[in-house]
Amino acid sequence: MRLLERLGQTPAFPLEQTCCGQLHLNSGYPDEATLLARRFVSTFADSDVVVSPSASCVGMVREQYPHLAERSDDAAFAHDVAELVPRVLELTELLVDRLGVEDVGARFQHRVAYHPTCHSLRGLRLGDRPYRLLRAVQGLELVELRDAEECCGFGGTFAVKNAQVSGAMLADKIRCLGEARAEVCAAVDNSCLLHIGGGLERAAAGVRTMHLAEILAAEASP
């Protein structure tokens, strides 16, 4: 909110909003996911733009809501979904594509490694948008992360159902962060940051995780 207001926007936060339903759908509960999709569409129906700091949630709305609407056999719901989906943007899409901004006036004097999450990289295809925003932050040193495009191993319930595989993937990611001598690991999905952050804490790696929005909202070195 601070970042958007700094850029001259007037963001609103509808208190009626809830989960987008991705967790339910991925766990095999499409009916429950559809109820949440209906709530999302109703809540944001009058919004010019809906921005989310979560690539996975934006991916859910864009990719899965049309399928849920088709499955519901509700023409009115399908129409409302089709109307809303093009207006749902991930944060870096809003900043770079819609507002035409890369330098948001942030200052953050730390060595930062960026982890491109699976939904942002392969789903939304954000490309270099996050990198461009980070490179424009005053004082920030963007360090290269080896095997950056490899999954961190979270994958929602994958981390629970396939804990050993997930743990091995996480160990690889933490090893690469150590090699990069990063102070901060940034990403655009809190779920991945939660997973990576837990691994970093258990390894006493001395690296913290931060969402890209937190870095872009920083006006002075913490």
Protein backbone atom coordinates (compact mmCIF):
# COMPACT_ATOMS: atom_id res chain seq x y z
CA MET A 1 0.00 0.00 0.00
CA ARG A 2 2.85 2.41 0.87
CA LEU A 3 4.55 1.69 -2.44
CA LEU A 4 1.42 2.31 -4.51
CA GLU A 5 0.59 5.48 -2.62
CA ARG A 6 4.14 6.76 -3.18
CA LEU A 7 3.56 6.28 -6.90
CA GLY A 8 0.44 8.45 -6.81
CA GLN A 9 -2.10 5.64 -6.76
CA THR A 10 -5.12 5.41 -4.47
CA PRO A 11 -5.36 1.73 -3.56
CA ALA A 12 -8.38 0.28 -1.81
CA PHE A 13 -8.42 -2.90 0.27
CA PRO A 14 -11.89 -4.49 0.28
CA LEU A 15 -12.32 -6.18 3.64
CA GLU A 16 -14.73 -8.69 2.08
CA GLN A 17 -11.92 -10.42 0.17
CA THR A 18 -10.75 -13.87 1.24
CA CYS A 19 -8.55 -16.65 -0.16
CA CYS A 20 -8.58 -17.03 -3.95
CA GLY A 21 -9.27 -20.75 -3.57
CA GLN A 22 -6.02 -22.11 -4.94
CA LEU A 23 -5.36 -24.22 -1.86
CA HIS A 24 -8.79 -25.83 -2.12
CA LEU A 25 -8.55 -26.54 -5.82
CA ASN A 26 -5.04 -27.98 -5.55
CA SER A 27 -6.24 -30.24 -2.74
CA GLY A 28 -9.09 -31.64 -4.82
CA TYR A 29 -12.02 -29.48 -3.68
CA PRO A 30 -13.27 -27.66 -6.81
CA ASP A 31 -16.70 -26.93 -5.35
CA GLU A 32 -15.22 -25.08 -2.39
CA ALA A 33 -12.77 -23.32 -4.72
CA THR A 34 -15.68 -22.19 -6.89
CA LEU A 35 -17.42 -20.63 -3.90
CA LEU A 36 -14.29 -18.60 -3.19
CA ALA A 37 -13.92 -17.70 -6.86
CA ARG A 38 -17.48 -16.36 -6.85
CA ARG A 39 -16.66 -14.28 -3.78
CA PHE A 40 -13.50 -12.92 -5.41
CA VAL A 41 -15.35 -11.97 -8.59
CA SER A 42 -18.16 -10.32 -6.64
CA THR A 43 -15.78 -8.42 -4.35
CA PHE A 44 -13.66 -6.98 -7.15
CA ALA A 45 -16.31 -6.61 -9.86
CA ASP A 46 -16.17 -2.81 -9.82
CA SER A 47 -12.37 -2.49 -9.58
CA ASP A 48 -10.48 -0.96 -12.48
CA VAL A 49 -7.42 -3.03 -11.63
CA VAL A 50 -6.87 -5.80 -9.10
CA VAL A 51 -3.22 -6.10 -8.07
CA SER A 52 -1.79 -8.91 -6.00
CA PRO A 53 1.71 -9.38 -4.56
CA SER A 54 1.34 -13.11 -5.22
CA ALA A 55 2.11 -14.66 -8.59
CA SER A 56 0.48 -17.93 -7.57
CA CYS A 57 -2.81 -16.25 -6.68
CA VAL A 58 -2.84 -14.24 -9.91
CA GLY A 59 -2.12 -17.46 -11.78
CA MET A 60 -5.06 -19.11 -10.03
CA VAL A 61 -7.43 -16.34 -11.10
CA ARG A 62 -6.23 -16.17 -14.69
CA GLU A 63 -5.74 -19.86 -15.39
CA GLN A 64 -8.24 -21.68 -13.20
CA TYR A 65 -11.21 -19.33 -12.72
CA PRO A 66 -12.30 -19.74 -16.36
CA HIS A 67 -12.25 -23.53 -15.90
CA LEU A 68 -14.20 -23.30 -12.66
CA ALA A 69 -16.74 -21.03 -14.34
CA GLU A 70 -17.13 -23.46 -17.25
CA ARG A 71 -17.50 -26.34 -14.82
CA SER A 72 -20.21 -24.47 -12.91
CA ASP A 73 -22.39 -24.24 -16.03
CA ASP A 74 -23.35 -20.72 -14.95
CA ALA A 75 -23.30 -18.34 -17.92
CA ALA A 76 -23.52 -15.21 -15.75
CA PHE A 77 -20.60 -16.32 -13.60
CA ALA A 78 -18.55 -17.20 -16.68
CA HIS A 79 -19.26 -13.75 -18.13
CA ASP A 80 -18.18 -12.03 -14.90
CA VAL A 81 -14.98 -14.09 -14.78
CA ALA A 82 -14.15 -13.22 -18.39
CA GLU A 83 -14.70 -9.54 -17.62
CA LEU A 84 -12.52 -9.52 -14.50
CA VAL A 85 -9.58 -11.77 -15.43
CA PRO A 86 -7.83 -9.27 -17.77
CA ARG A 87 -7.87 -6.69 -14.97
CA VAL A 88 -6.03 -8.90 -12.47
CA LEU A 89 -2.31 -8.09 -12.40
CA GLU A 90 0.71 -9.21 -10.42
CA LEU A 91 2.54 -6.32 -8.73
CA THR A 92 5.50 -6.12 -11.12
CA GLU A 93 3.14 -6.21 -14.11
CA LEU A 94 1.28 -3.23 -12.70
CA LEU A 95 4.47 -1.28 -12.01
CA VAL A 96 6.38 -1.97 -15.23
CA ASP A 97 3.62 -2.51 -17.80
CA ARG A 98 0.69 -0.43 -16.60
CA LEU A 99 2.41 2.43 -14.72
CA GLY A 100 5.60 2.39 -16.81
CA VAL A 101 7.81 2.62 -13.71
CA GLU A 102 11.06 0.84 -12.87
CA ASP A 103 12.64 3.24 -10.38
CA VAL A 104 10.09 3.48 -7.57
CA GLY A 105 12.27 5.66 -5.35
CA ALA A 106 13.41 2.84 -3.07
CA ARG A 107 16.67 2.64 -1.15
CA PHE A 108 17.93 -0.67 0.23
CA GLN A 109 21.65 -1.16 0.93
CA HIS A 110 21.99 -4.93 0.97
CA ARG A 111 23.19 -7.81 -1.19
CA VAL A 112 20.02 -9.34 -2.64
CA ALA A 113 19.49 -12.57 -4.56
CA TYR A 114 16.21 -12.93 -6.43
CA HIS A 115 14.44 -16.29 -6.59
CA PRO A 116 12.05 -16.46 -9.56
CA THR A 117 9.17 -18.56 -8.24
CA CYS A 118 7.60 -21.20 -10.45
CA HIS A 119 4.29 -19.39 -10.86
CA SER A 120 5.98 -16.10 -11.72
CA LEU A 121 8.49 -17.68 -14.08
CA ARG A 122 6.52 -20.39 -15.84
CA GLY A 123 2.94 -19.37 -15.21
CA LEU A 124 2.79 -15.59 -15.54
CA ARG A 125 6.10 -15.34 -17.44
CA LEU A 126 7.16 -12.21 -15.62
CA GLY A 127 10.54 -12.36 -17.30
CA ASP A 128 12.95 -9.65 -16.20
CA ARG A 129 10.37 -7.29 -14.67
CA PRO A 130 11.40 -8.07 -11.05
CA TYR A 131 15.09 -7.77 -11.94
CA ARG A 132 14.58 -4.40 -13.58
CA LEU A 133 12.81 -3.10 -10.49
CA LEU A 134 15.53 -4.42 -8.17
CA ARG A 135 18.36 -3.00 -10.28
CA ALA A 136 16.80 0.45 -9.98
CA VAL A 137 16.80 0.37 -6.15
CA GLN A 138 19.41 2.75 -4.78
CA GLY A 139 22.18 1.02 -2.83
CA LEU A 140 20.99 -2.50 -3.66
CA GLU A 141 23.54 -5.00 -4.95
CA LEU A 142 21.78 -7.66 -7.00
CA VAL A 143 23.83 -10.85 -6.88
CA GLU A 144 23.55 -13.79 -9.26
CA LEU A 145 21.84 -16.88 -7.88
CA ARG A 146 23.08 -20.13 -9.38
CA ASP A 147 20.30 -22.35 -10.71
CA ALA A 148 17.89 -19.52 -9.93
CA GLU A 149 15.14 -21.00 -12.08
CA GLU A 150 15.07 -24.28 -10.14
CA CYS A 151 12.02 -24.77 -7.91
CA CYS A 152 12.58 -24.22 -4.18
CA GLY A 153 10.59 -27.37 -3.41
CA PHE A 154 7.51 -25.84 -1.83
CA GLY A 155 4.70 -26.45 -4.29
CA GLY A 156 1.95 -26.14 -1.69
CA THR A 157 0.97 -29.57 -0.39
CA PHE A 158 3.87 -31.06 -2.38
CA ALA A 159 6.15 -30.03 0.51
CA VAL A 160 3.97 -32.10 2.87
CA LYS A 161 3.21 -35.11 0.68
CA ASN A 162 6.74 -35.37 -0.71
CA ALA A 163 8.75 -34.01 2.18
CA GLN A 164 12.03 -35.73 1.36
CA VAL A 165 12.10 -34.57 -2.25
CA SER A 166 10.97 -31.10 -1.21
CA GLY A 167 13.68 -30.97 1.45
CA ALA A 168 16.37 -31.94 -1.03
CA MET A 169 15.24 -29.22 -3.44
CA LEU A 170 15.23 -26.70 -0.61
CA ALA A 171 18.75 -27.72 0.43
CA ASP A 172 19.96 -27.02 -3.12
CA LYS A 173 18.38 -23.57 -3.05
CA ILE A 174 19.92 -22.71 0.31
CA ARG A 175 23.33 -23.90 -0.88
CA CYS A 176 23.08 -21.58 -3.89
CA LEU A 177 22.10 -18.65 -1.66
CA GLY A 178 25.17 -19.35 0.46
CA GLU A 179 27.41 -19.39 -2.59
CA ALA A 180 25.98 -16.02 -3.67
CA ARG A 181 26.82 -14.54 -0.25
CA ALA A 182 23.41 -12.90 -0.28
CA GLU A 183 22.09 -11.06 2.75
CA VAL A 184 18.51 -11.19 1.50
CA CYS A 185 16.55 -13.62 -0.65
CA ALA A 186 13.72 -11.85 -2.47
CA ALA A 187 10.76 -13.29 -4.35
CA VAL A 188 7.19 -12.42 -5.38
CA ASP A 189 5.45 -15.30 -3.58
CA ASN A 190 5.23 -15.42 0.21
CA SER A 191 4.64 -19.17 0.14
CA CYS A 192 8.06 -19.79 -1.39
CA LEU A 193 9.63 -17.23 0.95
CA LEU A 194 8.10 -19.06 3.91
CA HIS A 195 9.58 -22.34 2.72
CA ILE A 196 13.01 -20.90 1.95
CA GLY A 197 13.01 -18.84 5.13
CA GLY A 198 12.38 -21.91 7.26
CA GLY A 199 15.29 -23.70 5.64
CA LEU A 200 17.59 -20.70 6.08
CA GLU A 201 16.65 -20.42 9.75
CA ARG A 202 17.26 -24.10 10.43
CA ALA A 203 20.62 -23.87 8.68
CA ALA A 204 21.54 -20.71 10.60
CA ALA A 205 22.54 -19.28 7.23
CA GLY A 206 22.38 -15.62 8.24
CA VAL A 207 20.18 -14.82 5.23
CA ARG A 208 16.68 -13.35 5.56
CA THR A 209 13.78 -13.50 3.16
CA MET A 210 11.80 -10.47 1.98
CA HIS A 211 9.01 -10.01 -0.48
CA LEU A 212 9.90 -7.81 -3.43
CA ALA A 213 7.20 -5.34 -2.35
CA GLU A 214 8.94 -4.85 1.02
CA ILE A 215 12.19 -3.93 -0.70
CA LEU A 216 10.49 -1.59 -3.15
CA ALA A 217 8.65 0.10 -0.29
CA ALA A 218 11.88 0.75 1.62
CA GLU A 219 12.86 4.41 1.63
CA ALA A 220 15.85 4.11 3.92
CA SER A 221 18.26 1.34 4.81
CA PRO A 222 16.83 -0.61 7.76
